[in-house]
Amino acid sequence: MSWVCYLLRCADDTLYCGITNDPDKRLAAHNAGTASKYTRTRTPVRLAWSESCADRSAALKREMEIKNMSRVEKLVLCGK
C-alpha cells in the first residue's frame, strides 16, 4: 500500500494538506464534503501537489513539515 502526502487548492484559494493511500477516492470525498471539516465549505477543491511516501509514518512526517511551511513556501512546492 502506497501512501501519498498532498496539497489541495480550495475554491476560496486556501491550501489544505493531508495524507491518503487512495488519492482519487480521497479527492472525491473532499469534493463531496465528506473528507474533512475544513474543506467541507470550500468546495470544489483540486489537487495542487502530491508526493509518494514510503509508508504512513513517512507521510505523516511529511504532512507536518508542510503544515509548518508558510503559504509562500507551499505555493513554491506546488510550482506556482
N, C-alpha and C. Protein backbone atom coordinates (compact mmCIF):
# COMPACT_ATOMS: atom_id res chain seq x y z
N MET A 1 0.84 -1.17 0.00
CA MET A 1 0.00 0.00 0.00
C MET A 1 0.89 1.24 0.00
N SER A 2 0.68 2.12 -0.96
CA SER A 2 1.47 3.33 -1.10
C SER A 2 0.75 4.51 -0.47
N TRP A 3 1.46 5.29 0.31
CA TRP A 3 0.90 6.47 0.95
C TRP A 3 1.35 7.72 0.21
N VAL A 4 0.47 8.72 0.21
CA VAL A 4 0.71 9.96 -0.51
C VAL A 4 0.41 11.14 0.41
N CYS A 5 1.28 12.14 0.37
CA CYS A 5 1.02 13.41 1.03
C CYS A 5 0.60 14.36 -0.08
N TYR A 6 -0.44 15.17 0.17
CA TYR A 6 -0.97 16.00 -0.90
C TYR A 6 -1.37 17.39 -0.41
N LEU A 7 -1.42 18.33 -1.34
CA LEU A 7 -1.93 19.67 -1.10
C LEU A 7 -3.10 19.90 -2.04
N LEU A 8 -4.17 20.43 -1.49
CA LEU A 8 -5.34 20.80 -2.28
C LEU A 8 -5.44 22.31 -2.34
N ARG A 9 -5.91 22.81 -3.46
CA ARG A 9 -6.26 24.23 -3.54
C ARG A 9 -7.78 24.30 -3.49
N CYS A 10 -8.29 24.98 -2.48
CA CYS A 10 -9.73 25.08 -2.26
C CYS A 10 -10.32 26.21 -3.10
N ALA A 11 -11.65 26.22 -3.21
CA ALA A 11 -12.35 27.23 -4.02
C ALA A 11 -12.07 28.65 -3.53
N ASP A 12 -11.81 28.82 -2.23
CA ASP A 12 -11.51 30.15 -1.69
C ASP A 12 -10.02 30.47 -1.75
N ASP A 13 -9.25 29.69 -2.50
CA ASP A 13 -7.82 29.86 -2.75
C ASP A 13 -6.95 29.53 -1.53
N THR A 14 -7.50 28.86 -0.53
CA THR A 14 -6.67 28.40 0.57
C THR A 14 -6.08 27.04 0.20
N LEU A 15 -5.10 26.60 0.98
CA LEU A 15 -4.44 25.32 0.74
C LEU A 15 -4.73 24.38 1.90
N TYR A 16 -4.90 23.11 1.58
CA TYR A 16 -5.16 22.08 2.58
C TYR A 16 -4.18 20.94 2.35
N CYS A 17 -3.54 20.48 3.42
CA CYS A 17 -2.58 19.38 3.33
C CYS A 17 -3.14 18.16 4.04
N GLY A 18 -2.93 16.98 3.44
CA GLY A 18 -3.38 15.74 4.05
C GLY A 18 -2.59 14.57 3.52
N ILE A 19 -2.94 13.37 4.01
CA ILE A 19 -2.32 12.14 3.52
C ILE A 19 -3.42 11.13 3.19
N THR A 20 -3.10 10.20 2.32
CA THR A 20 -4.05 9.15 1.95
C THR A 20 -3.31 7.98 1.31
N ASN A 21 -4.00 6.86 1.22
CA ASN A 21 -3.45 5.74 0.46
C ASN A 21 -4.30 5.49 -0.79
N ASP A 22 -5.29 6.37 -1.04
CA ASP A 22 -6.13 6.30 -2.25
C ASP A 22 -6.48 7.72 -2.69
N PRO A 23 -5.57 8.37 -3.42
CA PRO A 23 -5.75 9.78 -3.78
C PRO A 23 -7.05 10.08 -4.53
N ASP A 24 -7.44 9.25 -5.48
CA ASP A 24 -8.66 9.53 -6.25
C ASP A 24 -9.89 9.49 -5.35
N LYS A 25 -9.97 8.49 -4.51
CA LYS A 25 -11.10 8.35 -3.60
C LYS A 25 -11.14 9.50 -2.60
N ARG A 26 -9.97 9.89 -2.09
CA ARG A 26 -9.91 10.98 -1.11
C ARG A 26 -10.30 12.32 -1.74
N LEU A 27 -9.85 12.59 -2.96
CA LEU A 27 -10.23 13.83 -3.65
C LEU A 27 -11.73 13.88 -3.87
N ALA A 28 -12.31 12.76 -4.28
CA ALA A 28 -13.76 12.69 -4.47
C ALA A 28 -14.48 12.94 -3.15
N ALA A 29 -13.95 12.40 -2.05
CA ALA A 29 -14.56 12.61 -0.74
C ALA A 29 -14.48 14.08 -0.32
N HIS A 30 -13.35 14.72 -0.60
CA HIS A 30 -13.23 16.16 -0.29
C HIS A 30 -14.28 16.94 -1.07
N ASN A 31 -14.41 16.66 -2.35
CA ASN A 31 -15.38 17.39 -3.17
C ASN A 31 -16.83 17.06 -2.83
N ALA A 32 -17.06 15.90 -2.24
CA ALA A 32 -18.41 15.54 -1.79
C ALA A 32 -18.72 16.13 -0.42
N GLY A 33 -17.70 16.72 0.22
CA GLY A 33 -17.91 17.33 1.54
C GLY A 33 -17.85 16.34 2.68
N THR A 34 -17.27 15.16 2.46
CA THR A 34 -17.24 14.14 3.50
C THR A 34 -15.84 13.80 4.00
N ALA A 35 -14.81 14.49 3.53
CA ALA A 35 -13.45 14.11 3.89
C ALA A 35 -12.91 14.87 5.10
N SER A 36 -13.14 16.17 5.17
CA SER A 36 -12.62 16.94 6.29
C SER A 36 -13.53 18.14 6.55
N LYS A 37 -13.56 18.55 7.79
CA LYS A 37 -14.39 19.70 8.17
C LYS A 37 -13.90 20.97 7.45
N TYR A 38 -12.58 21.10 7.31
CA TYR A 38 -12.01 22.29 6.69
C TYR A 38 -12.46 22.45 5.24
N THR A 39 -12.40 21.39 4.46
CA THR A 39 -12.71 21.51 3.03
C THR A 39 -14.21 21.44 2.75
N ARG A 40 -15.00 21.01 3.72
CA ARG A 40 -16.45 20.83 3.52
C ARG A 40 -17.12 22.07 2.95
N THR A 41 -16.72 23.26 3.42
CA THR A 41 -17.35 24.50 2.96
C THR A 41 -16.51 25.23 1.91
N ARG A 42 -15.47 24.58 1.43
CA ARG A 42 -14.55 25.23 0.49
C ARG A 42 -14.46 24.49 -0.84
N THR A 43 -15.51 23.77 -1.20
CA THR A 43 -15.51 23.01 -2.45
C THR A 43 -15.88 23.92 -3.61
N PRO A 44 -15.48 23.60 -4.82
CA PRO A 44 -14.69 22.41 -5.16
C PRO A 44 -13.21 22.60 -4.83
N VAL A 45 -12.54 21.51 -4.58
CA VAL A 45 -11.10 21.52 -4.35
C VAL A 45 -10.43 20.80 -5.51
N ARG A 46 -9.17 21.15 -5.75
CA ARG A 46 -8.42 20.45 -6.79
C ARG A 46 -7.03 20.13 -6.27
N LEU A 47 -6.49 19.05 -6.76
CA LEU A 47 -5.17 18.61 -6.35
C LEU A 47 -4.13 19.59 -6.90
N ALA A 48 -3.31 20.16 -6.01
CA ALA A 48 -2.28 21.10 -6.42
C ALA A 48 -0.90 20.45 -6.44
N TRP A 49 -0.71 19.41 -5.60
CA TRP A 49 0.60 18.79 -5.47
C TRP A 49 0.45 17.47 -4.73
N SER A 50 1.28 16.50 -5.04
CA SER A 50 1.31 15.26 -4.27
C SER A 50 2.70 14.66 -4.32
N GLU A 51 2.99 13.84 -3.31
CA GLU A 51 4.30 13.20 -3.20
C GLU A 51 4.12 11.82 -2.60
N SER A 52 4.67 10.81 -3.23
CA SER A 52 4.61 9.45 -2.69
C SER A 52 5.54 9.33 -1.49
N CYS A 53 5.11 8.58 -0.50
CA CYS A 53 5.90 8.36 0.71
C CYS A 53 6.05 6.85 0.93
N ALA A 54 7.10 6.48 1.63
CA ALA A 54 7.41 5.07 1.83
C ALA A 54 6.34 4.33 2.63
N ASP A 55 5.78 4.99 3.63
CA ASP A 55 4.76 4.37 4.49
C ASP A 55 3.94 5.46 5.18
N ARG A 56 2.99 5.06 5.99
CA ARG A 56 2.10 6.01 6.65
C ARG A 56 2.89 6.95 7.58
N SER A 57 3.86 6.41 8.27
CA SER A 57 4.67 7.22 9.18
C SER A 57 5.42 8.31 8.42
N ALA A 58 6.02 7.97 7.30
CA ALA A 58 6.74 8.96 6.49
C ALA A 58 5.78 10.00 5.94
N ALA A 59 4.58 9.58 5.56
CA ALA A 59 3.58 10.52 5.05
C ALA A 59 3.15 11.50 6.13
N LEU A 60 2.95 11.01 7.35
CA LEU A 60 2.57 11.88 8.46
C LEU A 60 3.68 12.89 8.78
N LYS A 61 4.92 12.44 8.74
CA LYS A 61 6.05 13.35 8.99
C LYS A 61 6.12 14.43 7.91
N ARG A 62 5.93 14.03 6.67
CA ARG A 62 5.96 15.00 5.56
C ARG A 62 4.79 15.98 5.68
N GLU A 63 3.63 15.48 6.07
CA GLU A 63 2.47 16.36 6.27
C GLU A 63 2.77 17.43 7.32
N MET A 64 3.39 17.04 8.42
CA MET A 64 3.72 18.01 9.46
C MET A 64 4.75 19.02 8.97
N GLU A 65 5.72 18.58 8.17
CA GLU A 65 6.70 19.51 7.60
C GLU A 65 5.99 20.56 6.75
N ILE A 66 5.06 20.10 5.93
CA ILE A 66 4.35 21.01 5.02
C ILE A 66 3.43 21.94 5.79
N LYS A 67 2.74 21.42 6.80
CA LYS A 67 1.85 22.26 7.60
C LYS A 67 2.62 23.36 8.34
N ASN A 68 3.90 23.14 8.58
CA ASN A 68 4.72 24.16 9.24
C ASN A 68 5.33 25.16 8.27
N MET A 69 5.13 24.95 6.98
CA MET A 69 5.62 25.89 5.96
C MET A 69 4.70 27.10 5.87
N SER A 70 5.25 28.19 5.38
CA SER A 70 4.44 29.37 5.10
C SER A 70 3.64 29.13 3.82
N ARG A 71 2.65 29.95 3.58
CA ARG A 71 1.86 29.84 2.36
C ARG A 71 2.76 29.98 1.13
N VAL A 72 3.68 30.92 1.17
CA VAL A 72 4.58 31.14 0.04
C VAL A 72 5.41 29.88 -0.24
N GLU A 73 5.92 29.25 0.81
CA GLU A 73 6.70 28.02 0.63
C GLU A 73 5.83 26.91 0.04
N LYS A 74 4.58 26.83 0.46
CA LYS A 74 3.67 25.82 -0.09
C LYS A 74 3.38 26.09 -1.57
N LEU A 75 3.23 27.36 -1.91
CA LEU A 75 2.98 27.70 -3.33
C LEU A 75 4.19 27.36 -4.20
N VAL A 76 5.39 27.59 -3.66
CA VAL A 76 6.62 27.21 -4.38
C VAL A 76 6.65 25.70 -4.57
N LEU A 77 6.28 24.95 -3.55
CA LEU A 77 6.22 23.49 -3.64
C LEU A 77 5.27 23.06 -4.76
N CYS A 78 4.17 23.78 -4.90
CA CYS A 78 3.17 23.48 -5.94
C CYS A 78 3.62 23.95 -7.32
N GLY A 79 4.69 24.72 -7.36
CA GLY A 79 5.16 25.23 -8.64
C GLY A 79 4.44 26.47 -9.11
N LYS A 80 3.87 27.19 -8.17
CA LYS A 80 3.11 28.42 -8.53
C LYS A 80 3.89 29.65 -8.16
